[in-house]
Protein backbone atom coordinates (compact mmCIF):
# COMPACT_ATOMS: atom_id res chain seq x y z
CA ALA A 1 0.00 0.00 0.00
CA GLY A 2 1.06 3.58 -0.49
CA GLY A 3 2.71 2.95 -3.84
CA THR A 4 1.80 4.17 -7.27
CA LYS A 5 0.82 2.42 -10.48
CA PRO A 6 0.49 3.53 -14.09
CA ALA A 7 -3.03 4.31 -15.28
CA THR A 8 -4.18 5.04 -18.81
CA LEU A 9 -6.59 7.96 -19.10
CA GLU A 10 -9.46 8.25 -21.58
CA THR A 11 -7.21 10.56 -23.60
CA GLY A 12 -4.62 7.79 -23.92
CA ALA A 13 -2.16 9.54 -21.63
CA VAL A 14 -0.48 7.39 -18.98
CA VAL A 15 0.03 8.84 -15.49
CA ASN A 16 1.12 7.38 -12.17
CA VAL A 17 -1.71 7.23 -9.66
CA PRO A 18 -1.87 5.98 -6.05
CA SER A 19 -2.51 2.26 -5.70
CA PHE A 20 -5.96 2.89 -4.13
CA VAL A 21 -7.34 4.32 -7.40
CA ASP A 22 -9.48 1.77 -9.24
CA VAL A 23 -10.42 1.37 -12.90
CA GLY A 24 -13.34 3.67 -13.64
CA ASP A 25 -12.51 6.19 -10.89
CA ASP A 26 -12.55 9.84 -11.95
CA VAL A 27 -9.26 11.54 -11.09
CA LEU A 28 -7.99 15.09 -11.30
CA ILE A 29 -4.76 15.52 -13.26
CA ASP A 30 -2.71 18.73 -13.36
CA SER A 31 -2.81 19.55 -17.08
CA ARG A 32 0.49 21.46 -16.86
CA THR A 33 2.52 18.70 -15.26
CA GLY A 34 0.48 15.60 -16.05
CA GLN A 35 0.63 14.58 -12.41
CA TYR A 36 -2.18 13.07 -10.34
CA MET A 37 -3.81 15.55 -7.95
CA SER A 38 -6.79 13.78 -6.36
CA ARG A 39 -9.83 11.64 -6.95
CA ALA A 40 -12.70 13.65 -8.43
C-alpha cells in the first residue's frame, strides 16, 4: 500500500496514480505537469 501504479486515461495519456485508485474512478490531473492531484 502507499505505492503508485500507471493508469491510462481516456485521452490515452499514462500517469502514475496511487494504488488505491481503481479502474473507472474519476481523477484530477494537473494539465500542466500531467501529475495526479486527487480523486474527483
